[in-house]
Amino acid sequence: MMDRPRQTSSKSKLVIDNFNLAVSLLDENPRDRKAISRLRRNVFFEDTDSMVLLGTIYADGDPDERDESIALFRRASDRGNSSAMRNLGYCYAIGLNVPRDKEAAVLCYKQAMDAGNAGAACNLGVMYDFGSGTDQDYAKAFECYKFAAEHGSTRGMTNLGEYYAAGKGTERNYDLAEI
Protein backbone atom coordinates (compact mmCIF):
# COMPACT_ATOMS: atom_id res chain seq x y z
CA MET A 1 0.00 0.00 0.00
CA MET A 2 1.24 3.47 -0.83
CA ASP A 3 1.12 6.63 1.23
CA ARG A 4 -1.26 9.18 -0.26
CA PRO A 5 -0.82 12.58 1.40
CA ARG A 6 -3.94 14.48 2.44
CA GLN A 7 -2.09 17.70 3.32
CA THR A 8 1.06 19.49 2.33
CA SER A 9 3.87 20.59 4.59
CA SER A 10 4.45 23.65 2.41
CA LYS A 11 4.24 27.09 4.00
CA SER A 12 3.20 28.75 0.74
CA LYS A 13 -0.45 29.83 0.70
CA LEU A 14 -0.62 29.26 -3.07
CA VAL A 15 0.75 25.72 -2.76
CA ILE A 16 -1.54 24.94 0.20
CA ASP A 17 -4.60 26.24 -1.66
CA ASN A 18 -3.69 24.30 -4.82
CA PHE A 19 -3.08 21.13 -2.81
CA ASN A 20 -6.30 21.37 -0.79
CA LEU A 21 -8.37 21.99 -3.91
CA ALA A 22 -6.69 19.06 -5.65
CA VAL A 23 -7.43 16.72 -2.73
CA SER A 24 -11.05 17.82 -2.69
CA LEU A 25 -11.43 17.30 -6.43
CA LEU A 26 -9.69 13.92 -6.30
CA ASP A 27 -12.15 12.77 -3.64
CA GLU A 28 -14.85 13.21 -6.30
CA ASN A 29 -12.87 11.96 -9.30
CA PRO A 30 -9.51 10.16 -8.87
CA ARG A 31 -8.31 11.43 -12.30
CA ASP A 32 -9.69 14.98 -12.14
CA ARG A 33 -7.81 17.10 -14.70
CA LYS A 34 -8.05 20.30 -12.68
CA ALA A 35 -6.62 18.52 -9.63
CA ILE A 36 -3.75 17.11 -11.67
CA SER A 37 -3.07 20.56 -13.11
CA ARG A 38 -2.93 22.06 -9.60
CA LEU A 39 -0.56 19.34 -8.41
CA ARG A 40 1.69 19.79 -11.45
CA ARG A 41 1.83 23.51 -10.65
CA ASN A 42 2.89 22.66 -7.09
CA VAL A 43 5.56 20.28 -8.38
CA PHE A 44 7.03 23.29 -10.20
CA PHE A 45 7.33 24.92 -6.75
CA GLU A 46 9.11 21.79 -5.44
CA ASP A 47 6.29 20.70 -3.13
CA THR A 48 7.20 17.11 -2.30
CA ASP A 49 3.73 16.20 -1.02
CA SER A 50 2.29 17.20 -4.40
CA MET A 51 4.97 15.07 -6.07
CA VAL A 52 3.92 12.08 -3.98
CA LEU A 53 0.19 12.56 -4.54
CA LEU A 54 0.67 13.05 -8.27
CA GLY A 55 2.93 10.00 -8.32
CA THR A 56 0.17 7.86 -6.78
CA ILE A 57 -2.25 9.06 -9.45
CA TYR A 58 0.19 8.36 -12.27
CA ALA A 59 1.20 4.94 -10.88
CA ASP A 60 -1.84 3.41 -12.59
CA GLY A 61 -1.79 5.61 -15.69
CA ASP A 62 -0.51 5.22 -19.22
CA PRO A 63 3.12 4.12 -19.76
CA ASP A 64 4.48 7.69 -19.74
CA GLU A 65 2.59 8.49 -16.54
CA ARG A 66 3.84 5.30 -14.92
CA ASP A 67 7.43 6.32 -15.68
CA GLU A 68 6.72 9.79 -14.33
CA SER A 69 5.31 8.33 -11.11
CA ILE A 70 8.68 6.74 -10.34
CA ALA A 71 10.52 9.94 -11.26
CA LEU A 72 8.24 11.92 -8.93
CA PHE A 73 8.77 9.47 -6.05
CA ARG A 74 12.54 9.62 -6.58
CA ARG A 75 12.55 13.41 -6.75
CA ALA A 76 10.51 13.75 -3.55
CA SER A 77 12.57 11.05 -1.86
CA ASP A 78 15.79 12.88 -2.72
CA ARG A 79 14.27 15.92 -1.02
CA GLY A 80 13.58 13.96 2.18
CA ASN A 81 9.90 13.05 1.83
CA SER A 82 9.40 9.80 3.77
CA SER A 83 6.14 8.96 1.98
CA ALA A 84 7.98 9.08 -1.33
CA MET A 85 10.65 6.78 0.11
CA ARG A 86 7.98 4.33 1.24
CA ASN A 87 6.11 4.47 -2.07
CA LEU A 88 9.30 3.85 -4.00
CA GLY A 89 9.99 0.88 -1.73
CA TYR A 90 6.51 -0.44 -2.40
CA CYS A 91 7.03 -0.11 -6.15
CA TYR A 92 10.26 -2.10 -5.92
CA ALA A 93 8.70 -4.70 -3.61
CA ILE A 94 5.90 -5.58 -6.04
CA GLY A 95 7.49 -4.53 -9.34
CA LEU A 96 5.13 -1.61 -9.95
CA ASN A 97 6.53 0.49 -12.82
CA VAL A 98 10.07 -0.72 -12.02
CA PRO A 99 11.66 -4.15 -12.13
CA ARG A 100 10.86 -6.08 -8.95
CA ASP A 101 13.81 -5.68 -6.58
CA LYS A 102 13.22 -6.73 -2.97
CA GLU A 103 16.68 -5.58 -1.86
CA ALA A 104 16.00 -2.08 -3.21
CA ALA A 105 12.63 -2.16 -1.43
CA VAL A 106 14.34 -2.93 1.86
CA LEU A 107 16.73 0.00 1.39
CA CYS A 108 13.86 2.39 0.61
CA TYR A 109 11.85 1.18 3.60
CA LYS A 110 14.87 1.59 5.88
CA GLN A 111 15.41 5.13 4.63
CA ALA A 112 11.73 5.97 5.16
CA MET A 113 11.70 4.42 8.64
CA ASP A 114 14.79 6.42 9.55
CA ALA A 115 12.83 9.49 8.45
CA GLY A 116 10.01 8.51 10.83
CA ASN A 117 7.53 6.77 8.50
CA ALA A 118 5.49 4.25 10.53
CA GLY A 119 4.03 2.50 7.49
CA ALA A 120 7.48 1.93 6.04
CA ALA A 121 8.63 0.51 9.38
CA CYS A 122 5.79 -1.99 9.23
CA ASN A 123 6.63 -2.87 5.61
CA LEU A 124 10.26 -3.35 6.61
CA GLY A 125 9.17 -5.58 9.49
CA VAL A 126 7.33 -7.79 7.02
CA MET A 127 10.46 -8.01 4.88
CA TYR A 128 12.49 -9.16 7.91
CA ASP A 129 9.68 -11.44 9.06
CA PHE A 130 9.67 -13.39 5.81
CA GLY A 131 13.30 -12.90 4.76
CA SER A 132 12.21 -11.05 1.65
CA GLY A 133 15.03 -8.97 0.18
CA THR A 134 17.04 -9.49 3.34
CA ASP A 135 17.93 -12.21 5.80
CA GLN A 136 15.04 -13.41 7.94
CA ASP A 137 15.45 -11.76 11.33
CA TYR A 138 12.60 -11.89 13.83
CA ALA A 139 14.37 -9.57 16.29
CA LYS A 140 14.69 -6.88 13.61
CA ALA A 141 11.09 -7.47 12.52
CA PHE A 142 9.99 -7.04 16.13
CA GLU A 143 11.88 -3.72 16.39
CA CYS A 144 10.30 -2.50 13.16
CA TYR A 145 6.81 -3.46 14.31
CA LYS A 146 7.44 -1.82 17.68
CA PHE A 147 8.56 1.40 15.96
CA ALA A 148 5.54 1.27 13.66
CA ALA A 149 3.14 0.72 16.56
CA GLU A 150 4.70 3.49 18.64
CA HIS A 151 4.30 5.85 15.68
CA GLY A 152 0.62 5.10 15.07
CA SER A 153 0.52 2.26 12.55
CA THR A 154 -2.46 0.05 13.34
CA ARG A 155 -1.02 -2.74 11.21
CA GLY A 156 2.23 -2.37 13.15
CA MET A 157 0.24 -2.67 16.39
CA THR A 158 -1.40 -5.88 15.18
CA ASN A 159 1.89 -7.40 14.06
CA LEU A 160 3.58 -6.39 17.32
CA GLY A 161 0.79 -8.01 19.32
CA GLU A 162 1.18 -11.21 17.33
CA TYR A 163 4.92 -11.19 17.96
CA TYR A 164 4.39 -10.74 21.71
CA ALA A 165 1.77 -13.52 21.76
CA ALA A 166 4.03 -15.94 19.89
CA GLY A 167 7.27 -14.92 21.58
CA LYS A 168 8.66 -14.21 18.14
CA GLY A 169 11.71 -11.90 18.16
CA THR A 170 11.07 -11.19 21.83
CA GLU A 171 9.96 -12.96 24.97
CA ARG A 172 6.34 -14.12 24.99
CA ASN A 173 4.21 -11.60 26.83
CA TYR A 174 0.44 -12.04 26.69
CA ASP A 175 -0.18 -8.85 28.65
CA LEU A 176 1.61 -6.73 26.04
CA ALA A 177 0.04 -8.75 23.24
CA GLU A 178 -3.39 -7.53 24.30
CA ILE A 179 -2.61 -3.82 24.53
C-alpha atoms as a PDB file:
ATOM      1  CA  MET A   1       0.000   0.000   0.000  1.00  0.00           C
ATOM      2  CA  MET A   2       1.245   3.473  -0.831  1.00  0.00           C
ATOM      3  CA  ASP A   3       1.120   6.634   1.227  1.00  0.00           C
ATOM      4  CA  ARG A   4      -1.262   9.183  -0.257  1.00  0.00           C
ATOM      5  CA  PRO A   5      -0.822  12.584   1.403  1.00  0.00           C
ATOM      6  CA  ARG A   6      -3.942  14.484   2.440  1.00  0.00           C
ATOM      7  CA  GLN A   7      -2.094  17.695   3.317  1.00  0.00           C
ATOM      8  CA  THR A   8       1.061  19.488   2.326  1.00  0.00           C
ATOM      9  CA  SER A   9       3.875  20.589   4.590  1.00  0.00           C
ATOM     10  CA  SER A  10       4.447  23.650   2.406  1.00  0.00           C
ATOM     11  CA  LYS A  11       4.243  27.087   3.997  1.00  0.00           C
ATOM     12  CA  SER A  12       3.202  28.753   0.736  1.00  0.00           C
ATOM     13  CA  LYS A  13      -0.453  29.831   0.695  1.00  0.00           C
ATOM     14  CA  LEU A  14      -0.620  29.260  -3.071  1.00  0.00           C
ATOM     15  CA  VAL A  15       0.753  25.724  -2.756  1.00  0.00           C
ATOM     16  CA  ILE A  16      -1.535  24.938   0.197  1.00  0.00           C
ATOM     17  CA  ASP A  17      -4.602  26.244  -1.660  1.00  0.00           C
ATOM     18  CA  ASN A  18      -3.687  24.298  -4.822  1.00  0.00           C
ATOM     19  CA  PHE A  19      -3.079  21.134  -2.809  1.00  0.00           C
ATOM     20  CA  ASN A  20      -6.297  21.369  -0.793  1.00  0.00           C
ATOM     21  CA  LEU A  21      -8.374  21.993  -3.913  1.00  0.00           C
ATOM     22  CA  ALA A  22      -6.687  19.056  -5.648  1.00  0.00           C
ATOM     23  CA  VAL A  23      -7.427  16.719  -2.726  1.00  0.00           C
ATOM     24  CA  SER A  24     -11.055  17.825  -2.688  1.00  0.00           C
ATOM     25  CA  LEU A  25     -11.429  17.304  -6.434  1.00  0.00           C
ATOM     26  CA  LEU A  26      -9.687  13.919  -6.297  1.00  0.00           C
ATOM     27  CA  ASP A  27     -12.146  12.767  -3.644  1.00  0.00           C
ATOM     28  CA  GLU A  28     -14.853  13.210  -6.295  1.00  0.00           C
ATOM     29  CA  ASN A  29     -12.869  11.959  -9.297  1.00  0.00           C
ATOM     30  CA  PRO A  30      -9.508  10.164  -8.871  1.00  0.00           C
ATOM     31  CA  ARG A  31      -8.308  11.427 -12.299  1.00  0.00           C
ATOM     32  CA  ASP A  32      -9.686  14.977 -12.142  1.00  0.00           C
ATOM     33  CA  ARG A  33      -7.809  17.102 -14.702  1.00  0.00           C
ATOM     34  CA  LYS A  34      -8.052  20.303 -12.678  1.00  0.00           C
ATOM     35  CA  ALA A  35      -6.618  18.517  -9.630  1.00  0.00           C
ATOM     36  CA  ILE A  36      -3.751  17.106 -11.667  1.00  0.00           C
ATOM     37  CA  SER A  37      -3.068  20.556 -13.110  1.00  0.00           C
ATOM     38  CA  ARG A  38      -2.927  22.055  -9.595  1.00  0.00           C
ATOM     39  CA  LEU A  39      -0.558  19.337  -8.406  1.00  0.00           C
ATOM     40  CA  ARG A  40       1.686  19.795 -11.452  1.00  0.00           C
ATOM     41  CA  ARG A  41       1.828  23.513 -10.647  1.00  0.00           C
ATOM     42  CA  ASN A  42       2.891  22.655  -7.090  1.00  0.00           C
ATOM     43  CA  VAL A  43       5.563  20.284  -8.384  1.00  0.00           C
ATOM     44  CA  PHE A  44       7.033  23.290 -10.199  1.00  0.00           C
ATOM     45  CA  PHE A  45       7.332  24.923  -6.748  1.00  0.00           C
ATOM     46  CA  GLU A  46       9.114  21.786  -5.443  1.00  0.00           C
ATOM     47  CA  ASP A  47       6.285  20.702  -3.135  1.00  0.00           C
ATOM     48  CA  THR A  48       7.199  17.113  -2.298  1.00  0.00           C
ATOM     49  CA  ASP A  49       3.730  16.202  -1.018  1.00  0.00           C
ATOM     50  CA  SER A  50       2.286  17.197  -4.399  1.00  0.00           C
ATOM     51  CA  MET A  51       4.967  15.070  -6.067  1.00  0.00           C
ATOM     52  CA  VAL A  52       3.918  12.081  -3.975  1.00  0.00           C
ATOM     53  CA  LEU A  53       0.191  12.556  -4.536  1.00  0.00           C
ATOM     54  CA  LEU A  54       0.667  13.052  -8.271  1.00  0.00           C
ATOM     55  CA  GLY A  55       2.930   9.996  -8.320  1.00  0.00           C
ATOM     56  CA  THR A  56       0.172   7.864  -6.776  1.00  0.00           C
ATOM     57  CA  ILE A  57      -2.252   9.057  -9.450  1.00  0.00           C
ATOM     58  CA  TYR A  58       0.192   8.357 -12.268  1.00  0.00           C
ATOM     59  CA  ALA A  59       1.204   4.945 -10.883  1.00  0.00           C
ATOM     60  CA  ASP A  60      -1.837   3.408 -12.594  1.00  0.00           C
ATOM     61  CA  GLY A  61      -1.792   5.610 -15.686  1.00  0.00           C
ATOM     62  CA  ASP A  62      -0.513   5.222 -19.220  1.00  0.00           C
ATOM     63  CA  PRO A  63       3.119   4.120 -19.765  1.00  0.00           C
ATOM     64  CA  ASP A  64       4.477   7.690 -19.737  1.00  0.00           C
ATOM     65  CA  GLU A  65       2.593   8.494 -16.540  1.00  0.00           C
ATOM     66  CA  ARG A  66       3.845   5.298 -14.921  1.00  0.00           C
ATOM     67  CA  ASP A  67       7.426   6.323 -15.677  1.00  0.00           C
ATOM     68  CA  GLU A  68       6.720   9.789 -14.327  1.00  0.00           C
ATOM     69  CA  SER A  69       5.310   8.327 -11.110  1.00  0.00           C
ATOM     70  CA  ILE A  70       8.679   6.738 -10.339  1.00  0.00           C
ATOM     71  CA  ALA A  71      10.516   9.937 -11.263  1.00  0.00           C
ATOM     72  CA  LEU A  72       8.244  11.917  -8.927  1.00  0.00           C
ATOM     73  CA  PHE A  73       8.769   9.475  -6.053  1.00  0.00           C
ATOM     74  CA  ARG A  74      12.542   9.619  -6.578  1.00  0.00           C
ATOM     75  CA  ARG A  75      12.548  13.407  -6.750  1.00  0.00           C
ATOM     76  CA  ALA A  76      10.513  13.754  -3.550  1.00  0.00           C
ATOM     77  CA  SER A  77      12.572  11.045  -1.857  1.00  0.00           C
ATOM     78  CA  ASP A  78      15.789  12.877  -2.721  1.00  0.00           C
ATOM     79  CA  ARG A  79      14.266  15.917  -1.019  1.00  0.00           C
ATOM     80  CA  GLY A  80      13.575  13.960   2.184  1.00  0.00           C
ATOM     81  CA  ASN A  81       9.901  13.045   1.832  1.00  0.00           C
ATOM     82  CA  SER A  82       9.404   9.803   3.773  1.00  0.00           C
ATOM     83  CA  SER A  83       6.144   8.961   1.978  1.00  0.00           C
ATOM     84  CA  ALA A  84       7.983   9.079  -1.334  1.00  0.00           C
ATOM     85  CA  MET A  85      10.653   6.783   0.108  1.00  0.00           C
ATOM     86  CA  ARG A  86       7.984   4.331   1.243  1.00  0.00           C
ATOM     87  CA  ASN A  87       6.112   4.469  -2.070  1.00  0.00           C
ATOM     88  CA  LEU A  88       9.302   3.854  -4.004  1.00  0.00           C
ATOM     89  CA  GLY A  89       9.994   0.877  -1.733  1.00  0.00           C
ATOM     90  CA  TYR A  90       6.510  -0.444  -2.398  1.00  0.00           C
ATOM     91  CA  CYS A  91       7.034  -0.111  -6.150  1.00  0.00           C
ATOM     92  CA  TYR A  92      10.258  -2.100  -5.918  1.00  0.00           C
ATOM     93  CA  ALA A  93       8.695  -4.698  -3.614  1.00  0.00           C
ATOM     94  CA  ILE A  94       5.902  -5.578  -6.041  1.00  0.00           C
ATOM     95  CA  GLY A  95       7.494  -4.531  -9.338  1.00  0.00           C
ATOM     96  CA  LEU A  96       5.130  -1.611  -9.952  1.00  0.00           C
ATOM     97  CA  ASN A  97       6.526   0.486 -12.824  1.00  0.00           C
ATOM     98  CA  VAL A  98      10.068  -0.717 -12.024  1.00  0.00           C
ATOM     99  CA  PRO A  99      11.659  -4.147 -12.134  1.00  0.00           C
ATOM    100  CA  ARG A 100      10.860  -6.076  -8.949  1.00  0.00           C
ATOM    101  CA  ASP A 101      13.807  -5.681  -6.576  1.00  0.00           C
ATOM    102  CA  LYS A 102      13.217  -6.734  -2.972  1.00  0.00           C
ATOM    103  CA  GLU A 103      16.683  -5.580  -1.864  1.00  0.00           C
ATOM    104  CA  ALA A 104      16.003  -2.082  -3.210  1.00  0.00           C
ATOM    105  CA  ALA A 105      12.630  -2.157  -1.433  1.00  0.00           C
ATOM    106  CA  VAL A 106      14.342  -2.929   1.858  1.00  0.00           C
ATOM    107  CA  LEU A 107      16.730   0.004   1.390  1.00  0.00           C
ATOM    108  CA  CYS A 108      13.863   2.386   0.607  1.00  0.00           C
ATOM    109  CA  TYR A 109      11.846   1.184   3.596  1.00  0.00           C
ATOM    110  CA  LYS A 110      14.873   1.591   5.883  1.00  0.00           C
ATOM    111  CA  GLN A 111      15.408   5.133   4.632  1.00  0.00           C
ATOM    112  CA  ALA A 112      11.731   5.967   5.163  1.00  0.00           C
ATOM    113  CA  MET A 113      11.703   4.418   8.635  1.00  0.00           C
ATOM    114  CA  ASP A 114      14.795   6.424   9.552  1.00  0.00           C
ATOM    115  CA  ALA A 115      12.834   9.494   8.451  1.00  0.00           C
ATOM    116  CA  GLY A 116      10.013   8.507  10.835  1.00  0.00           C
ATOM    117  CA  ASN A 117       7.529   6.774   8.503  1.00  0.00           C
ATOM    118  CA  ALA A 118       5.491   4.253  10.532  1.00  0.00           C
ATOM    119  CA  GLY A 119       4.027   2.497   7.488  1.00  0.00           C
ATOM    120  CA  ALA A 120       7.479   1.933   6.038  1.00  0.00           C
ATOM    121  CA  ALA A 121       8.630   0.507   9.377  1.00  0.00           C
ATOM    122  CA  CYS A 122       5.789  -1.990   9.231  1.00  0.00           C
ATOM    123  CA  ASN A 123       6.635  -2.871   5.613  1.00  0.00           C
ATOM    124  CA  LEU A 124      10.259  -3.354   6.613  1.00  0.00           C
ATOM    125  CA  GLY A 125       9.169  -5.576   9.492  1.00  0.00           C
ATOM    126  CA  VAL A 126       7.333  -7.793   7.023  1.00  0.00           C
ATOM    127  CA  MET A 127      10.465  -8.006   4.877  1.00  0.00           C
ATOM    128  CA  TYR A 128      12.495  -9.161   7.907  1.00  0.00           C
ATOM    129  CA  ASP A 129       9.676 -11.443   9.063  1.00  0.00           C
ATOM    130  CA  PHE A 130       9.673 -13.393   5.805  1.00  0.00           C
ATOM    131  CA  GLY A 131      13.295 -12.895   4.758  1.00  0.00           C
ATOM    132  CA  SER A 132      12.208 -11.051   1.652  1.00  0.00           C
ATOM    133  CA  GLY A 133      15.035  -8.965   0.177  1.00  0.00           C
ATOM    134  CA  THR A 134      17.043  -9.485   3.341  1.00  0.00           C
ATOM    135  CA  ASP A 135      17.935 -12.215   5.801  1.00  0.00           C
ATOM    136  CA  GLN A 136      15.045 -13.409   7.940  1.00  0.00           C
ATOM    137  CA  ASP A 137      15.446 -11.765  11.326  1.00  0.00           C
ATOM    138  CA  TYR A 138      12.603 -11.894  13.835  1.00  0.00           C
ATOM    139  CA  ALA A 139      14.367  -9.574  16.294  1.00  0.00           C
ATOM    140  CA  LYS A 140      14.685  -6.879  13.614  1.00  0.00           C
ATOM    141  CA  ALA A 141      11.094  -7.470  12.516  1.00  0.00           C
ATOM    142  CA  PHE A 142       9.990  -7.043  16.134  1.00  0.00           C
ATOM    143  CA  GLU A 143      11.878  -3.721  16.392  1.00  0.00           C
ATOM    144  CA  CYS A 144      10.303  -2.499  13.164  1.00  0.00           C
ATOM    145  CA  TYR A 145       6.806  -3.458  14.315  1.00  0.00           C
ATOM    146  CA  LYS A 146       7.442  -1.822  17.678  1.00  0.00           C
ATOM    147  CA  PHE A 147       8.560   1.403  15.959  1.00  0.00           C
ATOM    148  CA  ALA A 148       5.539   1.274  13.657  1.00  0.00           C
ATOM    149  CA  ALA A 149       3.144   0.717  16.560  1.00  0.00           C
ATOM    150  CA  GLU A 150       4.697   3.486  18.640  1.00  0.00           C
ATOM    151  CA  HIS A 151       4.303   5.850  15.684  1.00  0.00           C
ATOM    152  CA  GLY A 152       0.622   5.100  15.074  1.00  0.00           C
ATOM    153  CA  SER A 153       0.516   2.265  12.546  1.00  0.00           C
ATOM    154  CA  THR A 154      -2.465   0.051  13.336  1.00  0.00           C
ATOM    155  CA  ARG A 155      -1.015  -2.743  11.208  1.00  0.00           C
ATOM    156  CA  GLY A 156       2.231  -2.367  13.154  1.00  0.00           C
ATOM    157  CA  MET A 157       0.240  -2.673  16.387  1.00  0.00           C
ATOM    158  CA  THR A 158      -1.403  -5.879  15.182  1.00  0.00           C
ATOM    159  CA  ASN A 159       1.894  -7.397  14.064  1.00  0.00           C
ATOM    160  CA  LEU A 160       3.581  -6.387  17.324  1.00  0.00           C
ATOM    161  CA  GLY A 161       0.788  -8.012  19.321  1.00  0.00           C
ATOM    162  CA  GLU A 162       1.180 -11.210  17.326  1.00  0.00           C
ATOM    163  CA  TYR A 163       4.917 -11.186  17.960  1.00  0.00           C
ATOM    164  CA  TYR A 164       4.390 -10.743  21.709  1.00  0.00           C
ATOM    165  CA  ALA A 165       1.773 -13.517  21.764  1.00  0.00           C
ATOM    166  CA  ALA A 166       4.030 -15.944  19.886  1.00  0.00           C
ATOM    167  CA  GLY A 167       7.267 -14.917  21.576  1.00  0.00           C
ATOM    168  CA  LYS A 168       8.664 -14.208  18.141  1.00  0.00           C
ATOM    169  CA  GLY A 169      11.706 -11.904  18.155  1.00  0.00           C
ATOM    170  CA  THR A 170      11.068 -11.189  21.833  1.00  0.00           C
ATOM    171  CA  GLU A 171       9.960 -12.964  24.973  1.00  0.00           C
ATOM    172  CA  ARG A 172       6.340 -14.117  24.993  1.00  0.00           C
ATOM    173  CA  ASN A 173       4.207 -11.596  26.826  1.00  0.00           C
ATOM    174  CA  TYR A 174       0.439 -12.039  26.692  1.00  0.00           C
ATOM    175  CA  ASP A 175      -0.184  -8.850  28.645  1.00  0.00           C
ATOM    176  CA  LEU A 176       1.610  -6.734  26.041  1.00  0.00           C
ATOM    177  CA  ALA A 177       0.040  -8.754  23.237  1.00  0.00           C
ATOM    178  CA  GLU A 178      -3.395  -7.533  24.304  1.00  0.00           C
ATOM    179  CA  ILE A 179      -2.612  -3.821  24.526  1.00  0.00           C
END
